[in-house]
Amino acid sequence: MHHSSKILRKRTNITLPADPCANAKDLDVNIPQVCETALREAVNSARREKWAADNAAFIAEYNQRVEAEGTLLQEWSACSIQ
């Protein structure tokens, strides 16, 4: 991921264990980039989990309806066009 000058950046101080930081430096690992990537993944995961929790009742109701009634176009799903 490359950085664009259009991305608003916020300076943040974090404290990390010394051993992995030293190993990262020895291996030329870009610590800020790794932290940014991991943070973006954690935020996306939390958003997906929140969406699933917020919509769990609807999803359960929808699944029960499909199980009981089938899907709207279910009768056409087994047909093949020749």
PDB file of N, CA and C in Angstrom:
ATOM      1  N   MET A   1       0.849  -1.165   0.000  1.00  0.00           N
ATOM      2  CA  MET A   1       0.000   0.000   0.000  1.00  0.00           C
ATOM      3  C   MET A   1       0.893   1.226   0.000  1.00  0.00           C
ATOM      4  N   HIS A   2       0.693   2.111  -0.948  1.00  0.00           N
ATOM      5  CA  HIS A   2       1.498   3.323  -0.969  1.00  0.00           C
ATOM      6  C   HIS A   2       0.736   4.452  -0.297  1.00  0.00           C
ATOM      7  N   HIS A   3       1.474   5.408   0.191  1.00  0.00           N
ATOM      8  CA  HIS A   3       0.866   6.514   0.907  1.00  0.00           C
ATOM      9  C   HIS A   3       0.618   7.659  -0.065  1.00  0.00           C
ATOM     10  N   SER A   4      -0.515   8.250   0.033  1.00  0.00           N
ATOM     11  CA  SER A   4      -0.874   9.379  -0.801  1.00  0.00           C
ATOM     12  C   SER A   4      -0.854  10.636   0.046  1.00  0.00           C
ATOM     13  N   SER A   5      -0.478  11.753  -0.568  1.00  0.00           N
ATOM     14  CA  SER A   5      -0.469  13.005   0.174  1.00  0.00           C
ATOM     15  C   SER A   5      -1.882  13.465   0.500  1.00  0.00           C
ATOM     16  N   LYS A   6      -2.900  12.875  -0.142  1.00  0.00           N
ATOM     17  CA  LYS A   6      -4.282  13.255   0.110  1.00  0.00           C
ATOM     18  C   LYS A   6      -4.860  12.567   1.349  1.00  0.00           C
ATOM     19  N   ILE A   7      -4.177  11.551   1.871  1.00  0.00           N
ATOM     20  CA  ILE A   7      -4.661  10.840   3.054  1.00  0.00           C
ATOM     21  C   ILE A   7      -4.320  11.657   4.295  1.00  0.00           C
ATOM     22  N   LEU A   8      -5.347  11.965   5.087  1.00  0.00           N
ATOM     23  CA  LEU A   8      -5.135  12.679   6.334  1.00  0.00           C
ATOM     24  C   LEU A   8      -4.452  11.739   7.318  1.00  0.00           C
ATOM     25  N   ARG A   9      -3.355  12.149   7.867  1.00  0.00           N
ATOM     26  CA  ARG A   9      -2.584  11.320   8.794  1.00  0.00           C
ATOM     27  C   ARG A   9      -2.695  11.909  10.190  1.00  0.00           C
ATOM     28  N   LYS A  10      -2.657  11.050  11.194  1.00  0.00           N
ATOM     29  CA  LYS A  10      -2.676  11.480  12.592  1.00  0.00           C
ATOM     30  C   LYS A  10      -1.476  10.873  13.292  1.00  0.00           C
ATOM     31  N   ARG A  11      -0.687  11.721  13.897  1.00  0.00           N
ATOM     32  CA  ARG A  11       0.477  11.243  14.643  1.00  0.00           C
ATOM     33  C   ARG A  11      -0.016  10.543  15.903  1.00  0.00           C
ATOM     34  N   THR A  12       0.493   9.338  16.127  1.00  0.00           N
ATOM     35  CA  THR A  12       0.091   8.531  17.270  1.00  0.00           C
ATOM     36  C   THR A  12       1.326   7.872  17.867  1.00  0.00           C
ATOM     37  N   ASN A  13       1.424   7.912  19.154  1.00  0.00           N
ATOM     38  CA  ASN A  13       2.524   7.232  19.841  1.00  0.00           C
ATOM     39  C   ASN A  13       2.005   5.920  20.401  1.00  0.00           C
ATOM     40  N   ILE A  14       2.721   4.843  20.147  1.00  0.00           N
ATOM     41  CA  ILE A  14       2.374   3.547  20.716  1.00  0.00           C
ATOM     42  C   ILE A  14       3.626   2.951  21.347  1.00  0.00           C
ATOM     43  N   THR A  15       3.415   2.080  22.297  1.00  0.00           N
ATOM     44  CA  THR A  15       4.518   1.384  22.950  1.00  0.00           C
ATOM     45  C   THR A  15       4.427  -0.082  22.564  1.00  0.00           C
ATOM     46  N   LEU A  16       5.527  -0.607  22.035  1.00  0.00           N
ATOM     47  CA  LEU A  16       5.582  -1.998  21.586  1.00  0.00           C
ATOM     48  C   LEU A  16       6.708  -2.715  22.316  1.00  0.00           C
ATOM     49  N   PRO A  17       6.623  -4.029  22.432  1.00  0.00           N
ATOM     50  CA  PRO A  17       7.709  -4.788  23.063  1.00  0.00           C
ATOM     51  C   PRO A  17       9.024  -4.622  22.286  1.00  0.00           C
ATOM     52  N   ALA A  18      10.122  -4.582  23.004  1.00  0.00           N
ATOM     53  CA  ALA A  18      11.427  -4.308  22.401  1.00  0.00           C
ATOM     54  C   ALA A  18      11.882  -5.404  21.437  1.00  0.00           C
ATOM     55  N   ASP A  19      11.687  -6.675  21.799  1.00  0.00           N
ATOM     56  CA  ASP A  19      12.200  -7.767  20.959  1.00  0.00           C
ATOM     57  C   ASP A  19      11.625  -7.750  19.542  1.00  0.00           C
ATOM     58  N   PRO A  20      10.291  -7.710  19.374  1.00  0.00           N
ATOM     59  CA  PRO A  20       9.789  -7.698  18.002  1.00  0.00           C
ATOM     60  C   PRO A  20      10.190  -6.430  17.249  1.00  0.00           C
ATOM     61  N   CYS A  21      10.321  -5.316  17.951  1.00  0.00           N
ATOM     62  CA  CYS A  21      10.756  -4.086  17.283  1.00  0.00           C
ATOM     63  C   CYS A  21      12.193  -4.219  16.778  1.00  0.00           C
ATOM     64  N   ALA A  22      13.057  -4.796  17.600  1.00  0.00           N
ATOM     65  CA  ALA A  22      14.451  -4.999  17.187  1.00  0.00           C
ATOM     66  C   ALA A  22      14.523  -5.965  16.013  1.00  0.00           C
ATOM     67  N   ASN A  23      13.741  -7.058  16.087  1.00  0.00           N
ATOM     68  CA  ASN A  23      13.719  -8.025  14.980  1.00  0.00           C
ATOM     69  C   ASN A  23      13.199  -7.376  13.705  1.00  0.00           C
ATOM     70  N   ALA A  24      12.167  -6.553  13.821  1.00  0.00           N
ATOM     71  CA  ALA A  24      11.611  -5.871  12.652  1.00  0.00           C
ATOM     72  C   ALA A  24      12.659  -4.950  12.029  1.00  0.00           C
ATOM     73  N   LYS A  25      13.368  -4.215  12.870  1.00  0.00           N
ATOM     74  CA  LYS A  25      14.405  -3.305  12.374  1.00  0.00           C
ATOM     75  C   LYS A  25      15.510  -4.094  11.665  1.00  0.00           C
ATOM     76  N   ASP A  26      15.934  -5.220  12.264  1.00  0.00           N
ATOM     77  CA  ASP A  26      16.982  -6.055  11.662  1.00  0.00           C
ATOM     78  C   ASP A  26      16.553  -6.598  10.304  1.00  0.00           C
ATOM     79  N   LEU A  27      15.239  -6.825  10.135  1.00  0.00           N
ATOM     80  CA  LEU A  27      14.720  -7.414   8.898  1.00  0.00           C
ATOM     81  C   LEU A  27      14.133  -6.368   7.947  1.00  0.00           C
ATOM     82  N   ASP A  28      14.376  -5.102   8.241  1.00  0.00           N
ATOM     83  CA  ASP A  28      13.867  -3.989   7.428  1.00  0.00           C
ATOM     84  C   ASP A  28      12.347  -4.014   7.267  1.00  0.00           C
ATOM     85  N   VAL A  29      11.652  -4.399   8.339  1.00  0.00           N
ATOM     86  CA  VAL A  29      10.190  -4.375   8.343  1.00  0.00           C
ATOM     87  C   VAL A  29       9.746  -2.958   8.691  1.00  0.00           C
ATOM     88  N   ASN A  30       8.836  -2.414   7.907  1.00  0.00           N
ATOM     89  CA  ASN A  30       8.318  -1.072   8.118  1.00  0.00           C
ATOM     90  C   ASN A  30       7.236  -1.145   9.201  1.00  0.00           C
ATOM     91  N   ILE A  31       7.607  -0.817  10.434  1.00  0.00           N
ATOM     92  CA  ILE A  31       6.699  -0.953  11.575  1.00  0.00           C
ATOM     93  C   ILE A  31       5.444  -0.089  11.416  1.00  0.00           C
ATOM     94  N   PRO A  32       5.551   1.185  11.056  1.00  0.00           N
ATOM     95  CA  PRO A  32       4.324   1.972  10.891  1.00  0.00           C
ATOM     96  C   PRO A  32       3.384   1.394   9.824  1.00  0.00           C
ATOM     97  N   GLN A  33       3.942   0.888   8.739  1.00  0.00           N
ATOM     98  CA  GLN A  33       3.113   0.308   7.686  1.00  0.00           C
ATOM     99  C   GLN A  33       2.420  -0.962   8.179  1.00  0.00           C
ATOM    100  N   VAL A  34       3.148  -1.795   8.918  1.00  0.00           N
ATOM    101  CA  VAL A  34       2.559  -3.015   9.481  1.00  0.00           C
ATOM    102  C   VAL A  34       1.450  -2.648  10.466  1.00  0.00           C
ATOM    103  N   CYS A  35       1.696  -1.657  11.313  1.00  0.00           N
ATOM    104  CA  CYS A  35       0.682  -1.225  12.273  1.00  0.00           C
ATOM    105  C   CYS A  35      -0.544  -0.681  11.559  1.00  0.00           C
ATOM    106  N   GLU A  36      -0.345   0.121  10.513  1.00  0.00           N
ATOM    107  CA  GLU A  36      -1.473   0.679   9.767  1.00  0.00           C
ATOM    108  C   GLU A  36      -2.294  -0.427   9.106  1.00  0.00           C
ATOM    109  N   THR A  37      -1.616  -1.382   8.478  1.00  0.00           N
ATOM    110  CA  THR A  37      -2.315  -2.489   7.819  1.00  0.00           C
ATOM    111  C   THR A  37      -3.098  -3.312   8.836  1.00  0.00           C
ATOM    112  N   ALA A  38      -2.468  -3.630   9.955  1.00  0.00           N
ATOM    113  CA  ALA A  38      -3.144  -4.419  10.993  1.00  0.00           C
ATOM    114  C   ALA A  38      -4.320  -3.651  11.577  1.00  0.00           C
ATOM    115  N   LEU A  39      -4.172  -2.347  11.777  1.00  0.00           N
ATOM    116  CA  LEU A  39      -5.254  -1.534  12.318  1.00  0.00           C
ATOM    117  C   LEU A  39      -6.430  -1.485  11.346  1.00  0.00           C
ATOM    118  N   ARG A  40      -6.144  -1.301  10.045  1.00  0.00           N
ATOM    119  CA  ARG A  40      -7.222  -1.296   9.042  1.00  0.00           C
ATOM    120  C   ARG A  40      -7.962  -2.637   9.028  1.00  0.00           C
ATOM    121  N   GLU A  41      -7.218  -3.738   9.097  1.00  0.00           N
ATOM    122  CA  GLU A  41      -7.842  -5.067   9.113  1.00  0.00           C
ATOM    123  C   GLU A  41      -8.691  -5.260  10.365  1.00  0.00           C
ATOM    124  N   ALA A  42      -8.202  -4.798  11.514  1.00  0.00           N
ATOM    125  CA  ALA A  42      -8.951  -4.921  12.765  1.00  0.00           C
ATOM    126  C   ALA A  42     -10.234  -4.088  12.717  1.00  0.00           C
ATOM    127  N   VAL A  43     -10.152  -2.875  12.158  1.00  0.00           N
ATOM    128  CA  VAL A  43     -11.336  -2.021  12.037  1.00  0.00           C
ATOM    129  C   VAL A  43     -12.352  -2.659  11.096  1.00  0.00           C
ATOM    130  N   ASN A  44     -11.895  -3.165   9.949  1.00  0.00           N
ATOM    131  CA  ASN A  44     -12.810  -3.817   9.003  1.00  0.00           C
ATOM    132  C   ASN A  44     -13.469  -5.038   9.628  1.00  0.00           C
ATOM    133  N   SER A  45     -12.710  -5.820  10.358  1.00  0.00           N
ATOM    134  CA  SER A  45     -13.249  -6.998  11.030  1.00  0.00           C
ATOM    135  C   SER A  45     -14.288  -6.593  12.075  1.00  0.00           C
ATOM    136  N   ALA A  46     -13.987  -5.559  12.856  1.00  0.00           N
ATOM    137  CA  ALA A  46     -14.925  -5.084  13.875  1.00  0.00           C
ATOM    138  C   ALA A  46     -16.205  -4.555  13.225  1.00  0.00           C
ATOM    139  N   ARG A  47     -16.065  -3.871  12.081  1.00  0.00           N
ATOM    140  CA  ARG A  47     -17.255  -3.384  11.364  1.00  0.00           C
ATOM    141  C   ARG A  47     -18.122  -4.550  10.883  1.00  0.00           C
ATOM    142  N   ARG A  48     -17.483  -5.596  10.329  1.00  0.00           N
ATOM    143  CA  ARG A  48     -18.242  -6.768   9.866  1.00  0.00           C
ATOM    144  C   ARG A  48     -18.961  -7.439  11.037  1.00  0.00           C
ATOM    145  N   GLU A  49     -18.258  -7.594  12.150  1.00  0.00           N
ATOM    146  CA  GLU A  49     -18.864  -8.212  13.336  1.00  0.00           C
ATOM    147  C   GLU A  49     -20.022  -7.371  13.866  1.00  0.00           C
ATOM    148  N   LYS A  50     -19.854  -6.053  13.892  1.00  0.00           N
ATOM    149  CA  LYS A  50     -20.923  -5.170  14.368  1.00  0.00           C
ATOM    150  C   LYS A  50     -22.117  -5.255  13.428  1.00  0.00           C
ATOM    151  N   TRP A  51     -21.877  -5.252  12.108  1.00  0.00           N
ATOM    152  CA  TRP A  51     -22.974  -5.351  11.143  1.00  0.00           C
ATOM    153  C   TRP A  51     -23.724  -6.661  11.346  1.00  0.00           C
ATOM    154  N   ALA A  52     -22.993  -7.755  11.503  1.00  0.00           N
ATOM    155  CA  ALA A  52     -23.631  -9.063  11.711  1.00  0.00           C
ATOM    156  C   ALA A  52     -24.453  -9.066  12.998  1.00  0.00           C
ATOM    157  N   ALA A  53     -23.925  -8.483  14.063  1.00  0.00           N
ATOM    158  CA  ALA A  53     -24.662  -8.427  15.331  1.00  0.00           C
ATOM    159  C   ALA A  53     -25.893  -7.531  15.209  1.00  0.00           C
ATOM    160  N   ASP A  54     -25.723  -6.373  14.556  1.00  0.00           N
ATOM    161  CA  ASP A  54     -26.836  -5.438  14.390  1.00  0.00           C
ATOM    162  C   ASP A  54     -27.956  -6.025  13.533  1.00  0.00           C
ATOM    163  N   ASN A  55     -27.600  -6.918  12.618  1.00  0.00           N
ATOM    164  CA  ASN A  55     -28.577  -7.468  11.676  1.00  0.00           C
ATOM    165  C   ASN A  55     -28.910  -8.937  11.939  1.00  0.00           C
ATOM    166  N   ALA A  56     -28.475  -9.467  13.069  1.00  0.00           N
ATOM    167  CA  ALA A  56     -28.665 -10.887  13.368  1.00  0.00           C
ATOM    168  C   ALA A  56     -30.135 -11.280  13.387  1.00  0.00           C
ATOM    169  N   ALA A  57     -30.984 -10.449  13.973  1.00  0.00           N
ATOM    170  CA  ALA A  57     -32.417 -10.783  14.049  1.00  0.00           C
ATOM    171  C   ALA A  57     -33.018 -10.853  12.653  1.00  0.00           C
ATOM    172  N   PHE A  58     -32.710  -9.883  11.801  1.00  0.00           N
ATOM    173  CA  PHE A  58     -33.228  -9.888  10.438  1.00  0.00           C
ATOM    174  C   PHE A  58     -32.725 -11.096   9.662  1.00  0.00           C
ATOM    175  N   ILE A  59     -31.448 -11.398   9.794  1.00  0.00           N
ATOM    176  CA  ILE A  59     -30.864 -12.530   9.072  1.00  0.00           C
ATOM    177  C   ILE A  59     -31.513 -13.836   9.510  1.00  0.00           C
ATOM    178  N   ALA A  60     -31.709 -14.003  10.810  1.00  0.00           N
ATOM    179  CA  ALA A  60     -32.356 -15.225  11.317  1.00  0.00           C
ATOM    180  C   ALA A  60     -33.783 -15.329  10.793  1.00  0.00           C
ATOM    181  N   GLU A  61     -34.512 -14.207  10.807  1.00  0.00           N
ATOM    182  CA  GLU A  61     -35.888 -14.200  10.306  1.00  0.00           C
ATOM    183  C   GLU A  61     -35.926 -14.521   8.811  1.00  0.00           C
ATOM    184  N   TYR A  62     -35.018 -13.932   8.059  1.00  0.00           N
ATOM    185  CA  TYR A  62     -34.942 -14.179   6.618  1.00  0.00           C
ATOM    186  C   TYR A  62     -34.633 -15.655   6.348  1.00  0.00           C
ATOM    187  N   ASN A  63     -33.664 -16.202   7.069  1.00  0.00           N
ATOM    188  CA  ASN A  63     -33.300 -17.609   6.874  1.00  0.00           C
ATOM    189  C   ASN A  63     -34.464 -18.539   7.202  1.00  0.00           C
ATOM    190  N   GLN A  64     -35.204 -18.220   8.259  1.00  0.00           N
ATOM    191  CA  GLN A  64     -36.384 -19.027   8.593  1.00  0.00           C
ATOM    192  C   GLN A  64     -37.430 -18.941   7.489  1.00  0.00           C
ATOM    193  N   ARG A  65     -37.622 -17.758   6.948  1.00  0.00           N
ATOM    194  CA  ARG A  65     -38.604 -17.576   5.867  1.00  0.00           C
ATOM    195  C   ARG A  65     -38.200 -18.360   4.625  1.00  0.00           C
ATOM    196  N   VAL A  66     -36.938 -18.297   4.254  1.00  0.00           N
ATOM    197  CA  VAL A  66     -36.452 -19.041   3.082  1.00  0.00           C
ATOM    198  C   VAL A  66     -36.596 -20.540   3.324  1.00  0.00           C
ATOM    199  N   GLU A  67     -36.294 -20.987   4.538  1.00  0.00           N
ATOM    200  CA  GLU A  67     -36.427 -22.408   4.853  1.00  0.00           C
ATOM    201  C   GLU A  67     -37.894 -22.858   4.756  1.00  0.00           C
ATOM    202  N   ALA A  68     -38.790 -22.023   5.211  1.00  0.00           N
ATOM    203  CA  ALA A  68     -40.212 -22.383   5.205  1.00  0.00           C
ATOM    204  C   ALA A  68     -40.855 -22.208   3.833  1.00  0.00           C
ATOM    205  N   GLU A  69     -40.502 -21.127   3.125  1.00  0.00           N
ATOM    206  CA  GLU A  69     -41.191 -20.780   1.880  1.00  0.00           C
ATOM    207  C   GLU A  69     -40.341 -20.953   0.633  1.00  0.00           C
ATOM    208  N   GLY A  70     -39.045 -21.115   0.787  1.00  0.00           N
ATOM    209  CA  GLY A  70     -38.151 -21.156  -0.364  1.00  0.00           C
ATOM    210  C   GLY A  70     -37.841 -19.740  -0.825  1.00  0.00           C
ATOM    211  N   THR A  71     -37.054 -19.646  -1.868  1.00  0.00           N
ATOM    212  CA  THR A  71     -36.709 -18.336  -2.403  1.00  0.00           C
ATOM    213  C   THR A  71     -37.730 -17.923  -3.448  1.00  0.00           C
ATOM    214  N   LEU A  72     -37.752 -16.662  -3.768  1.00  0.00           N
ATOM    215  CA  LEU A  72     -38.721 -16.113  -4.697  1.00  0.00           C
ATOM    216  C   LEU A  72     -38.652 -16.802  -6.057  1.00  0.00           C
ATOM    217  N   LEU A  73     -37.495 -17.070  -6.556  1.00  0.00           N
ATOM    218  CA  LEU A  73     -37.321 -17.665  -7.887  1.00  0.00           C
ATOM    219  C   LEU A  73     -36.885 -19.121  -7.820  1.00  0.00           C
ATOM    220  N   GLN A  74     -37.161 -19.778  -6.715  1.00  0.00           N
ATOM    221  CA  GLN A  74     -36.710 -21.153  -6.514  1.00  0.00           C
ATOM    222  C   GLN A  74     -37.214 -22.086  -7.615  1.00  0.00           C
ATOM    223  N   GLU A  75     -38.448 -21.898  -8.063  1.00  0.00           N
ATOM    224  CA  GLU A  75     -38.998 -22.784  -9.088  1.00  0.00           C
ATOM    225  C   GLU A  75     -38.236 -22.704 -10.395  1.00  0.00           C
ATOM    226  N   TRP A  76     -37.569 -21.579 -10.629  1.00  0.00           N
ATOM    227  CA  TRP A  76     -36.816 -21.417 -11.862  1.00  0.00           C
ATOM    228  C   TRP A  76     -35.361 -21.851 -11.726  1.00  0.00           C
ATOM    229  N   SER A  77     -34.887 -22.069 -10.519  1.00  0.00           N
ATOM    230  CA  SER A  77     -33.476 -22.367 -10.326  1.00  0.00           C
ATOM    231  C   SER A  77     -33.074 -23.731 -10.874  1.00  0.00           C
ATOM    232  N   ALA A  78     -33.995 -24.686 -10.975  1.00  0.00           N
ATOM    233  CA  ALA A  78     -33.683 -26.025 -11.467  1.00  0.00           C
ATOM    234  C   ALA A  78     -33.828 -26.112 -12.987  1.00  0.00           C
ATOM    235  N   CYS A  79     -34.363 -25.076 -13.604  1.00  0.00           N
ATOM    236  CA  CYS A  79     -34.551 -25.092 -15.056  1.00  0.00           C
ATOM    237  C   CYS A  79     -33.244 -24.796 -15.759  1.00  0.00           C
ATOM    238  N   SER A  80     -33.078 -25.394 -16.917  1.00  0.00           N
ATOM    239  CA  SER A  80     -31.908 -25.075 -17.729  1.00  0.00           C
ATOM    240  C   SER A  80     -32.380 -24.535 -19.064  1.00  0.00           C
ATOM    241  N   ILE A  81     -31.649 -23.599 -19.569  1.00  0.00           N
ATOM    242  CA  ILE A  81     -31.987 -23.001 -20.857  1.00  0.00           C
ATOM    243  C   ILE A  81     -31.289 -23.797 -21.944  1.00  0.00           C
ATOM    244  N   GLN A  82     -32.068 -24.218 -22.935  1.00  0.00           N
ATOM    245  CA  GLN A  82     -31.473 -25.022 -24.022  1.00  0.00           C
ATOM    246  C   GLN A  82     -31.597 -24.311 -25.337  1.00  0.00           C
TER     247      GLN A  82
END
